[in-house]
């Protein structure tokens, strides 16, 4: 990561200690990206900062959006484990119209709401 971008990101984060400044950080990355003229340089730059781009993607809809994604993921993981351990418990929760258990549908609805907000 270029030192100039690193310093700029530090200043942005220090200026807003209570809220994660996703938009400002993304703007700093985009500004740095626009300074490269060669496509190869842009590709190299993007390959050098995947942890940052992943973090910005996770927090794109703010802390609340990230929380919803984490909770939905935990529900899905829990239900997948329970389906393997106790498959007979999930059969009564499925109706003829519904192919997924009700709890899984709830977790999916949290994720789909998140996608709709994008």
C-alpha atoms as a PDB file:
ATOM      1  CA  UNK A   1       0.000   0.000   0.000  1.00  0.00           C
ATOM      2  CA  UNK A   2       1.364   3.415  -0.871  1.00  0.00           C
ATOM      3  CA  UNK A   3       2.483   5.401   2.158  1.00  0.00           C
ATOM      4  CA  UNK A   4       0.394   8.394   1.070  1.00  0.00           C
ATOM      5  CA  UNK A   5      -2.793   6.294   1.031  1.00  0.00           C
ATOM      6  CA  UNK A   6      -1.929   4.724   4.387  1.00  0.00           C
ATOM      7  CA  UNK A   7      -1.450   8.129   5.993  1.00  0.00           C
ATOM      8  CA  UNK A   8      -4.678   9.440   4.442  1.00  0.00           C
ATOM      9  CA  UNK A   9      -6.618   6.430   5.757  1.00  0.00           C
ATOM     10  CA  UNK A  10      -5.167   6.920   9.244  1.00  0.00           C
ATOM     11  CA  UNK A  11      -6.297  10.554   9.252  1.00  0.00           C
ATOM     12  CA  UNK A  12      -9.816   9.604   8.114  1.00  0.00           C
ATOM     13  CA  UNK A  13     -10.174   6.967  10.831  1.00  0.00           C
ATOM     14  CA  UNK A  14      -8.830   9.272  13.565  1.00  0.00           C
ATOM     15  CA  UNK A  15     -11.246  12.016  12.520  1.00  0.00           C
ATOM     16  CA  UNK A  16     -14.292   9.758  13.071  1.00  0.00           C
ATOM     17  CA  UNK A  17     -13.587   7.457  16.034  1.00  0.00           C
ATOM     18  CA  UNK A  18     -17.253   6.603  16.743  1.00  0.00           C
ATOM     19  CA  UNK A  19     -18.399   5.588  13.250  1.00  0.00           C
ATOM     20  CA  UNK A  20     -16.572   3.495  10.670  1.00  0.00           C
ATOM     21  CA  UNK A  21     -15.932   5.883   7.729  1.00  0.00           C
ATOM     22  CA  UNK A  22     -16.532   3.472   4.857  1.00  0.00           C
ATOM     23  CA  UNK A  23     -17.442   6.094   2.264  1.00  0.00           C
ATOM     24  CA  UNK A  24     -14.423   8.265   3.006  1.00  0.00           C
ATOM     25  CA  UNK A  25     -12.032   5.316   2.967  1.00  0.00           C
ATOM     26  CA  UNK A  26     -13.503   4.044  -0.292  1.00  0.00           C
ATOM     27  CA  UNK A  27     -13.089   7.519  -1.775  1.00  0.00           C
ATOM     28  CA  UNK A  28      -9.412   7.536  -0.729  1.00  0.00           C
ATOM     29  CA  UNK A  29      -8.852   4.142  -2.377  1.00  0.00           C
ATOM     30  CA  UNK A  30     -10.683   5.283  -5.527  1.00  0.00           C
ATOM     31  CA  UNK A  31      -8.620   8.478  -5.640  1.00  0.00           C
ATOM     32  CA  UNK A  32      -5.399   6.494  -5.390  1.00  0.00           C
ATOM     33  CA  UNK A  33      -6.654   4.101  -8.073  1.00  0.00           C
ATOM     34  CA  UNK A  34      -7.453   6.968 -10.442  1.00  0.00           C
ATOM     35  CA  UNK A  35      -3.844   8.153 -10.286  1.00  0.00           C
ATOM     36  CA  UNK A  36      -2.611   5.056 -12.096  1.00  0.00           C
ATOM     37  CA  UNK A  37      -2.525   5.349 -15.867  1.00  0.00           C
ATOM     38  CA  UNK A  38      -1.606   1.781 -16.819  1.00  0.00           C
ATOM     39  CA  UNK A  39      -4.169  -0.986 -16.277  1.00  0.00           C
ATOM     40  CA  UNK A  40      -1.350  -3.222 -15.007  1.00  0.00           C
ATOM     41  CA  UNK A  41      -0.575  -0.702 -12.255  1.00  0.00           C
ATOM     42  CA  UNK A  42      -4.236  -0.602 -11.220  1.00  0.00           C
ATOM     43  CA  UNK A  43      -4.363  -4.392 -11.100  1.00  0.00           C
ATOM     44  CA  UNK A  44      -1.191  -4.575  -9.015  1.00  0.00           C
ATOM     45  CA  UNK A  45      -2.554  -1.970  -6.618  1.00  0.00           C
ATOM     46  CA  UNK A  46      -5.875  -3.809  -6.191  1.00  0.00           C
ATOM     47  CA  UNK A  47      -4.033  -7.086  -5.608  1.00  0.00           C
ATOM     48  CA  UNK A  48      -2.000  -5.453  -2.842  1.00  0.00           C
ATOM     49  CA  UNK A  49      -4.986  -4.267  -0.786  1.00  0.00           C
ATOM     50  CA  UNK A  50      -7.582  -7.101  -0.666  1.00  0.00           C
ATOM     51  CA  UNK A  51      -7.968  -6.988   3.136  1.00  0.00           C
ATOM     52  CA  UNK A  52      -8.922  -3.312   2.892  1.00  0.00           C
ATOM     53  CA  UNK A  53     -11.367  -3.814   0.018  1.00  0.00           C
ATOM     54  CA  UNK A  54     -12.969  -6.772   1.833  1.00  0.00           C
ATOM     55  CA  UNK A  55     -13.356  -4.681   4.980  1.00  0.00           C
ATOM     56  CA  UNK A  56     -14.911  -1.815   3.034  1.00  0.00           C
ATOM     57  CA  UNK A  57     -17.317  -4.252   1.372  1.00  0.00           C
ATOM     58  CA  UNK A  58     -18.400  -5.733   4.724  1.00  0.00           C
ATOM     59  CA  UNK A  59     -19.105  -2.301   6.200  1.00  0.00           C
ATOM     60  CA  UNK A  60     -20.587  -0.766   3.030  1.00  0.00           C
ATOM     61  CA  UNK A  61     -24.020  -0.486   4.693  1.00  0.00           C
ATOM     62  CA  UNK A  62     -22.639   0.716   8.009  1.00  0.00           C
ATOM     63  CA  UNK A  63     -22.160  -1.049  11.291  1.00  0.00           C
ATOM     64  CA  UNK A  64     -25.826  -2.066  11.465  1.00  0.00           C
ATOM     65  CA  UNK A  65     -25.632  -3.715   8.050  1.00  0.00           C
ATOM     66  CA  UNK A  66     -22.504  -5.575   9.086  1.00  0.00           C
ATOM     67  CA  UNK A  67     -24.227  -6.718  12.291  1.00  0.00           C
ATOM     68  CA  UNK A  68     -27.184  -8.076  10.297  1.00  0.00           C
ATOM     69  CA  UNK A  69     -24.854 -10.007   8.013  1.00  0.00           C
ATOM     70  CA  UNK A  70     -22.953 -11.501  10.947  1.00  0.00           C
ATOM     71  CA  UNK A  71     -26.154 -12.530  12.748  1.00  0.00           C
ATOM     72  CA  UNK A  72     -27.620 -14.054   9.570  1.00  0.00           C
ATOM     73  CA  UNK A  73     -24.375 -15.945   9.003  1.00  0.00           C
ATOM     74  CA  UNK A  74     -24.420 -17.264  12.576  1.00  0.00           C
ATOM     75  CA  UNK A  75     -28.037 -18.426  12.139  1.00  0.00           C
ATOM     76  CA  UNK A  76     -27.174 -20.200   8.880  1.00  0.00           C
ATOM     77  CA  UNK A  77     -24.163 -21.918  10.449  1.00  0.00           C
ATOM     78  CA  UNK A  78     -26.189 -22.985  13.487  1.00  0.00           C
ATOM     79  CA  UNK A  79     -29.010 -24.347  11.356  1.00  0.00           C
ATOM     80  CA  UNK A  80     -26.659 -26.217   9.044  1.00  0.00           C
ATOM     81  CA  UNK A  81     -25.087 -27.946  12.048  1.00  0.00           C
ATOM     82  CA  UNK A  82     -28.496 -28.733  13.544  1.00  0.00           C
ATOM     83  CA  UNK A  83     -29.772 -30.122  10.224  1.00  0.00           C
ATOM     84  CA  UNK A  84     -26.899 -32.596  10.156  1.00  0.00           C
ATOM     85  CA  UNK A  85     -27.180 -33.489  13.830  1.00  0.00           C
ATOM     86  CA  UNK A  86     -30.979 -33.654  14.125  1.00  0.00           C
ATOM     87  CA  UNK A  87     -32.484 -33.816  10.619  1.00  0.00           C
ATOM     88  CA  UNK A  88     -35.873 -35.035  11.866  1.00  0.00           C
ATOM     89  CA  UNK A  89     -36.402 -31.807  13.845  1.00  0.00           C
ATOM     90  CA  UNK A  90     -36.441 -29.744  10.677  1.00  0.00           C
ATOM     91  CA  UNK A  91     -38.915 -31.799   8.679  1.00  0.00           C
ATOM     92  CA  UNK A  92     -42.049 -30.563  10.547  1.00  0.00           C
ATOM     93  CA  UNK A  93     -40.988 -26.936  10.065  1.00  0.00           C
ATOM     94  CA  UNK A  94     -41.208 -27.230   6.286  1.00  0.00           C
ATOM     95  CA  UNK A  95     -44.564 -26.866   4.587  1.00  0.00           C
ATOM     96  CA  UNK A  96     -45.482 -28.010   1.069  1.00  0.00           C
ATOM     97  CA  UNK A  97     -44.872 -24.494  -0.292  1.00  0.00           C
ATOM     98  CA  UNK A  98     -41.735 -23.868   1.715  1.00  0.00           C
ATOM     99  CA  UNK A  99     -38.578 -25.841   0.960  1.00  0.00           C
ATOM    100  CA  UNK A 100     -36.502 -24.377   3.813  1.00  0.00           C
ATOM    101  CA  UNK A 101     -37.113 -24.440   7.566  1.00  0.00           C
ATOM    102  CA  UNK A 102     -38.688 -21.322   9.016  1.00  0.00           C
ATOM    103  CA  UNK A 103     -35.557 -20.323  10.921  1.00  0.00           C
ATOM    104  CA  UNK A 104     -33.459 -20.579   7.771  1.00  0.00           C
ATOM    105  CA  UNK A 105     -36.000 -18.413   5.964  1.00  0.00           C
ATOM    106  CA  UNK A 106     -35.648 -15.817   8.724  1.00  0.00           C
ATOM    107  CA  UNK A 107     -31.851 -15.778   8.349  1.00  0.00           C
ATOM    108  CA  UNK A 108     -32.209 -15.509   4.576  1.00  0.00           C
ATOM    109  CA  UNK A 109     -34.638 -12.613   4.926  1.00  0.00           C
ATOM    110  CA  UNK A 110     -32.057 -10.695   6.966  1.00  0.00           C
ATOM    111  CA  UNK A 111     -29.528 -11.172   4.186  1.00  0.00           C
ATOM    112  CA  UNK A 112     -31.997 -10.320   1.417  1.00  0.00           C
ATOM    113  CA  UNK A 113     -32.959  -7.094   3.211  1.00  0.00           C
ATOM    114  CA  UNK A 114     -29.269  -6.250   3.327  1.00  0.00           C
ATOM    115  CA  UNK A 115     -28.946  -6.892  -0.421  1.00  0.00           C
ATOM    116  CA  UNK A 116     -31.993  -4.736  -1.145  1.00  0.00           C
ATOM    117  CA  UNK A 117     -30.387  -1.820   0.710  1.00  0.00           C
ATOM    118  CA  UNK A 118     -27.417  -1.807  -1.696  1.00  0.00           C
END
